[in-house]
Amino acid sequence: MFEGPNSPYLIPFDGKFRLAAASTSPVTDDQDQIRKKRGKTRRELNKLQRLLSAGDKHAVLLVFQAMDAAGKDSTIRNVMRGVDPSGCQVTTFKRPSELELDHDFLWRSARHLPPRGHIGIFNRSYYEEVLVVRVHPELLQSQKLPSIASPEKLWQDRFRSILDHEAHLARNGTAILKFWLNVSKDEQRRRLLARLDNPDKNWKFEAGDIVERRHWDDYMNAYEQAMNATSRPWAPWYAIPADDKKYMQGRVGNIIVNALTSIGLAYPEPSDKDRATFDAARQELT
């Protein structure tokens, strides 16, 4: 079964991760190298995606979670630039629809899981159900749930459901990598102000971002608990420093390339029957 690559930003599997100790700026001395090699990393990813598609035995699921203005969209856009669009799909999850609320909380994301040979990207994900819903428990009233013994039991049950779901995917050939883009509160403030002050960025601003910012500490607590409960070798979390966007993008790309390389992707070997077909076709064409 797939195991995520090691990294200085890998969240351990023992439940001892403490968000307060996670840096929002690079903790290694290879910042310049990581930034400068983004282009090379993209080219390597392009080659690996072709092998993934040709082999048609594995799928890749990339999950991105972060506070507003951390850089999810720009990271996805930068890292996946050059990858064949036909082999990559991005799904953004926002407020659930009435149809989605008529199903269990994993249903709407399960509909968008990548098929074998493809890379699927979740911009936000089923983790919203143990993050934003935990910070705003009043949202549970619209979820048509059976009686809830206690909120804490609900979160623990959802963690177990997520663990079972991800283990099932991993056993069936899906490599899961989960990225928390760790932006500081001060940097978020600067980026939100830029959206207000720069006319070209006004379209990015949403009043709801300010509302959610008021719950910063509650979100940090929810993230810490969620990542401790669900970081596993086959579906690891990475807390990527997000105050430096170019470094963040380079580091995310590097982890994805290392993960795909570790799978041992290769073009399928033709069978004897295939080779005979090739010979017959070659004779007809020459």
Protein backbone atom coordinates (compact mmCIF):
# COMPACT_ATOMS: atom_id res chain seq x y z
CA MET A 1 0.00 0.00 0.00
CA PHE A 2 1.20 3.51 -0.83
CA GLU A 3 3.11 5.46 1.82
CA GLY A 4 3.71 9.19 1.55
CA PRO A 5 7.28 10.48 1.21
CA ASN A 6 9.16 11.90 4.16
CA SER A 7 9.39 15.66 4.53
CA PRO A 8 10.30 18.22 7.20
CA TYR A 9 6.60 19.15 7.05
CA LEU A 10 5.12 15.68 7.40
CA ILE A 11 2.64 15.57 10.27
CA PRO A 12 3.54 12.59 12.47
CA PHE A 13 1.23 9.63 12.87
CA ASP A 14 1.35 9.52 16.66
CA GLY A 15 -1.10 12.34 17.37
CA LYS A 16 1.57 14.58 18.87
CA PHE A 17 1.52 17.35 16.27
CA ARG A 18 1.18 20.80 17.80
CA LEU A 19 0.09 23.53 15.49
CA ALA A 20 1.76 26.22 17.59
CA ALA A 21 5.12 24.65 16.76
CA ALA A 22 4.46 24.55 12.99
CA SER A 23 6.28 27.34 11.20
CA THR A 24 4.54 29.49 8.59
CA SER A 25 7.94 30.25 6.99
CA PRO A 26 10.55 27.76 5.66
CA VAL A 27 12.40 25.74 8.28
CA THR A 28 15.06 24.36 5.90
CA ASP A 29 18.02 26.11 4.31
CA ASP A 30 17.11 25.14 0.73
CA GLN A 31 14.52 27.88 0.15
CA ASP A 32 16.21 29.38 -2.91
CA GLN A 33 16.74 25.96 -4.48
CA ILE A 34 13.12 24.92 -3.92
CA ARG A 35 11.83 28.18 -5.43
CA LYS A 36 14.13 28.06 -8.47
CA LYS A 37 13.39 24.41 -9.26
CA ARG A 38 9.63 24.86 -9.58
CA GLY A 39 9.85 24.69 -13.37
CA LYS A 40 11.90 21.49 -13.28
CA THR A 41 9.48 20.00 -10.76
CA ARG A 42 6.55 20.75 -13.06
CA ARG A 43 8.32 19.04 -15.96
CA GLU A 44 8.99 15.97 -13.83
CA LEU A 45 5.37 15.89 -12.73
CA ASN A 46 4.26 16.06 -16.36
CA LYS A 47 6.33 12.99 -17.20
CA LEU A 48 5.08 11.10 -14.16
CA GLN A 49 1.48 11.93 -14.97
CA ARG A 50 1.94 10.34 -18.40
CA LEU A 51 3.26 7.18 -16.76
CA LEU A 52 0.34 7.23 -14.34
CA SER A 53 -2.10 7.47 -17.23
CA ALA A 54 -0.38 4.80 -19.32
CA GLY A 55 -0.16 2.33 -16.44
CA ASP A 56 -3.81 2.85 -15.50
CA LYS A 57 -3.40 1.06 -12.15
CA HIS A 58 -3.13 3.91 -9.69
CA ALA A 59 -5.02 7.12 -8.98
CA VAL A 60 -3.74 10.16 -7.09
CA LEU A 61 -5.84 12.29 -4.76
CA LEU A 62 -4.46 15.65 -3.64
CA VAL A 63 -6.35 17.38 -0.84
CA PHE A 64 -5.78 21.09 -0.13
CA GLN A 65 -7.07 22.73 3.03
CA ALA A 66 -6.22 26.17 4.40
CA MET A 67 -7.53 29.38 5.83
CA ASP A 68 -8.72 32.00 3.34
CA ALA A 69 -5.97 33.70 1.29
CA ALA A 70 -3.41 31.00 2.07
CA GLY A 71 -2.89 30.32 -1.64
CA LYS A 72 -4.77 27.13 -2.48
CA ASP A 73 -5.85 28.26 -5.95
CA SER A 74 -2.46 29.68 -6.95
CA THR A 75 -0.64 26.60 -5.67
CA ILE A 76 -2.88 24.22 -7.61
CA ARG A 77 -2.52 26.41 -10.71
CA ASN A 78 1.27 26.68 -10.43
CA VAL A 79 2.10 23.09 -9.49
CA MET A 80 -0.19 21.50 -12.07
CA ARG A 81 0.80 23.83 -14.92
CA GLY A 82 1.86 21.72 -17.89
CA VAL A 83 0.08 18.55 -16.75
CA ASP A 84 -2.23 17.09 -19.38
CA PRO A 85 -5.70 18.50 -18.52
CA SER A 86 -7.37 15.29 -19.70
CA GLY A 87 -5.63 13.40 -16.89
CA CYS A 88 -6.29 15.88 -14.11
CA GLN A 89 -9.50 17.08 -12.48
CA VAL A 90 -10.03 19.82 -9.88
CA THR A 91 -13.10 19.89 -7.65
CA THR A 92 -13.87 22.83 -5.38
CA PHE A 93 -16.21 22.19 -2.47
CA LYS A 94 -18.30 25.02 -1.08
CA ARG A 95 -21.63 25.11 0.72
CA PRO A 96 -23.37 21.73 0.25
CA SER A 97 -26.51 21.57 -1.86
CA GLU A 98 -29.87 20.17 -0.75
CA LEU A 99 -29.12 16.98 -2.67
CA GLU A 100 -25.76 16.61 -0.91
CA LEU A 101 -27.38 17.21 2.48
CA ASP A 102 -29.68 14.26 1.75
CA HIS A 103 -26.63 11.95 1.86
CA ASP A 104 -23.84 11.15 4.29
CA PHE A 105 -21.02 13.71 4.50
CA LEU A 106 -18.62 11.67 2.35
CA TRP A 107 -21.05 11.19 -0.53
CA ARG A 108 -20.49 14.44 -2.38
CA SER A 109 -16.70 14.05 -2.47
CA ALA A 110 -16.85 10.33 -3.32
CA ARG A 111 -18.64 11.28 -6.55
CA HIS A 112 -15.55 13.21 -7.63
CA LEU A 113 -12.81 10.72 -6.78
CA PRO A 114 -10.25 10.32 -9.57
CA PRO A 115 -10.36 7.17 -11.70
CA ARG A 116 -7.23 5.08 -12.19
CA GLY A 117 -4.65 6.85 -14.29
CA HIS A 118 -5.82 10.30 -13.17
CA ILE A 119 -4.87 12.96 -10.65
CA GLY A 120 -7.80 14.34 -8.67
CA ILE A 121 -7.49 17.58 -6.72
CA PHE A 122 -9.85 18.59 -3.94
CA ASN A 123 -9.83 22.33 -3.23
CA ARG A 124 -11.32 21.94 0.23
CA SER A 125 -12.84 18.53 0.84
CA TYR A 126 -14.76 16.26 3.17
CA TYR A 127 -12.51 17.68 5.91
CA GLU A 128 -14.75 20.75 5.94
CA GLU A 129 -17.16 18.56 7.92
CA VAL A 130 -14.72 18.43 10.86
CA LEU A 131 -13.42 21.98 10.37
CA VAL A 132 -15.96 24.65 9.41
CA VAL A 133 -18.84 22.58 10.78
CA ARG A 134 -16.97 22.12 14.03
CA VAL A 135 -16.33 25.85 14.30
CA HIS A 136 -19.97 26.53 13.37
CA PRO A 137 -21.92 23.61 14.91
CA GLU A 138 -25.19 25.34 14.06
CA LEU A 139 -24.61 24.02 10.52
CA LEU A 140 -25.44 20.54 11.83
CA GLN A 141 -29.10 21.56 12.05
CA SER A 142 -29.39 21.42 8.25
CA GLN A 143 -27.66 18.04 7.91
CA LYS A 144 -30.69 15.88 8.76
CA LEU A 145 -28.72 13.71 11.16
CA PRO A 146 -30.12 11.20 13.62
CA SER A 147 -29.99 12.29 17.24
CA ILE A 148 -26.47 13.23 18.31
CA ALA A 149 -25.31 11.81 21.65
CA SER A 150 -22.69 14.55 21.97
CA PRO A 151 -20.80 16.86 19.58
CA GLU A 152 -17.47 15.33 20.62
CA LYS A 153 -18.66 11.84 19.76
CA LEU A 154 -19.84 13.12 16.37
CA TRP A 155 -16.37 14.49 15.51
CA GLN A 156 -14.69 11.28 16.63
CA ASP A 157 -17.15 9.23 14.55
CA ARG A 158 -16.41 11.39 11.52
CA PHE A 159 -12.67 10.95 12.03
CA ARG A 160 -13.21 7.17 12.04
CA SER A 161 -15.29 7.39 8.87
CA ILE A 162 -12.55 9.43 7.16
CA LEU A 163 -9.87 6.98 8.27
CA ASP A 164 -11.87 4.01 6.95
CA HIS A 165 -12.60 5.85 3.69
CA GLU A 166 -8.98 6.77 3.04
CA ALA A 167 -7.68 3.32 3.98
CA HIS A 168 -10.16 1.76 1.55
CA LEU A 169 -9.00 4.07 -1.24
CA ALA A 170 -5.34 3.36 -0.49
CA ARG A 171 -5.89 -0.41 -0.50
CA ASN A 172 -7.42 -0.05 -3.95
CA GLY A 173 -4.58 1.91 -5.52
CA THR A 174 -5.23 5.57 -4.71
CA ALA A 175 -2.24 7.54 -3.44
CA ILE A 176 -3.53 10.24 -1.09
CA LEU A 177 -1.56 13.37 -0.20
CA LYS A 178 -3.11 16.05 2.02
CA PHE A 179 -1.70 19.57 2.25
CA TRP A 180 -2.51 22.12 4.90
CA LEU A 181 -1.18 25.47 3.69
CA ASN A 182 -0.09 27.08 6.93
CA VAL A 183 -0.41 30.85 6.58
CA SER A 184 0.15 33.17 9.54
CA LYS A 185 -2.61 35.45 10.74
CA ASP A 186 -0.49 38.52 9.95
CA GLU A 187 0.21 37.35 6.40
CA GLN A 188 -3.46 36.60 5.87
CA ARG A 189 -4.27 40.15 6.98
CA ARG A 190 -1.81 41.55 4.43
CA ARG A 191 -3.27 39.45 1.62
CA LEU A 192 -6.86 40.36 2.49
CA LEU A 193 -5.91 44.04 2.55
CA ALA A 194 -4.28 43.61 -0.88
CA ARG A 195 -7.59 42.29 -2.19
CA LEU A 196 -9.26 45.46 -0.94
CA ASP A 197 -6.57 47.91 -2.06
CA ASN A 198 -5.75 46.47 -5.49
CA PRO A 199 -8.59 46.89 -8.02
CA ASP A 200 -7.34 43.86 -9.93
CA LYS A 201 -7.85 41.76 -6.79
CA ASN A 202 -11.18 43.18 -5.64
CA TRP A 203 -13.01 40.24 -7.19
CA LYS A 204 -11.25 37.88 -4.79
CA PHE A 205 -12.55 39.58 -1.68
CA GLU A 206 -15.48 38.07 0.18
CA ALA A 207 -16.96 39.56 3.33
CA GLY A 208 -17.21 36.05 4.75
CA ASP A 209 -13.41 35.88 4.88
CA ILE A 210 -13.44 38.55 7.60
CA VAL A 211 -16.15 36.71 9.52
CA GLU A 212 -14.18 33.46 9.49
CA ARG A 213 -11.00 35.29 10.51
CA ARG A 214 -12.69 36.18 13.80
CA HIS A 215 -12.75 32.44 14.57
CA TRP A 216 -9.02 31.96 13.92
CA ASP A 217 -8.22 30.22 17.21
CA ASP A 218 -11.20 27.87 16.87
CA TYR A 219 -10.05 26.93 13.38
CA MET A 220 -6.51 26.28 14.55
CA ASN A 221 -7.82 23.95 17.24
CA ALA A 222 -10.04 22.14 14.72
CA TYR A 223 -7.16 21.74 12.24
CA GLU A 224 -4.82 20.40 14.90
CA GLN A 225 -7.31 17.79 16.04
CA ALA A 226 -8.30 16.77 12.52
CA MET A 227 -4.74 16.33 11.28
CA ASN A 228 -3.64 14.43 14.38
CA ALA A 229 -6.62 12.10 14.03
CA THR A 230 -6.18 11.40 10.30
CA SER A 231 -2.50 11.65 9.32
CA ARG A 232 -1.47 8.12 8.41
CA PRO A 233 1.37 6.68 6.28
CA TRP A 234 -1.05 5.88 3.42
CA ALA A 235 -2.82 9.27 3.66
CA PRO A 236 -0.38 11.72 5.25
CA TRP A 237 -0.87 15.37 6.08
CA TYR A 238 1.82 17.95 5.33
CA ALA A 239 1.82 21.33 7.09
CA ILE A 240 3.41 23.47 4.38
CA PRO A 241 4.62 26.99 5.32
CA ALA A 242 2.47 29.37 3.27
CA ASP A 243 3.82 32.86 4.00
CA ASP A 244 6.25 32.48 1.07
CA LYS A 245 4.10 31.43 -1.89
CA LYS A 246 6.91 30.42 -4.25
CA TYR A 247 8.51 28.24 -1.59
CA MET A 248 5.13 26.72 -0.73
CA GLN A 249 4.43 25.88 -4.37
CA GLY A 250 7.90 24.39 -4.84
CA ARG A 251 7.62 22.27 -1.71
CA VAL A 252 4.17 20.94 -2.60
CA GLY A 253 5.35 20.04 -6.11
CA ASN A 254 8.42 18.33 -4.71
CA ILE A 255 6.36 16.14 -2.39
CA ILE A 256 3.99 15.14 -5.20
CA VAL A 257 6.91 14.22 -7.50
CA ASN A 258 8.58 12.17 -4.75
CA ALA A 259 5.30 10.39 -4.04
CA LEU A 260 4.68 9.46 -7.68
CA THR A 261 8.28 8.36 -8.10
CA SER A 262 7.97 6.04 -5.09
CA ILE A 263 5.02 4.21 -6.66
CA GLY A 264 7.30 2.79 -9.36
CA LEU A 265 5.25 3.93 -12.34
CA ALA A 266 6.23 2.50 -15.72
CA TYR A 267 4.85 2.13 -19.21
CA PRO A 268 3.10 -1.24 -19.56
CA GLU A 269 5.10 -3.99 -21.24
CA PRO A 270 3.42 -5.31 -24.42
CA SER A 271 2.43 -8.99 -24.36
CA ASP A 272 3.52 -11.53 -26.95
CA LYS A 273 0.12 -11.09 -28.60
CA ASP A 274 0.66 -7.33 -28.69
CA ARG A 275 4.09 -7.76 -30.28
CA ALA A 276 2.64 -10.03 -32.96
CA THR A 277 0.03 -7.36 -33.69
CA PHE A 278 2.77 -4.74 -33.88
CA ASP A 279 4.74 -6.86 -36.37
CA ALA A 280 1.68 -7.36 -38.58
CA ALA A 281 0.90 -3.65 -38.49
CA ARG A 282 4.51 -2.74 -39.25
CA GLN A 283 4.51 -5.02 -42.32
CA GLU A 284 1.31 -3.48 -43.60
CA LEU A 285 2.64 0.05 -43.12
CA THR A 286 6.01 -0.56 -44.82
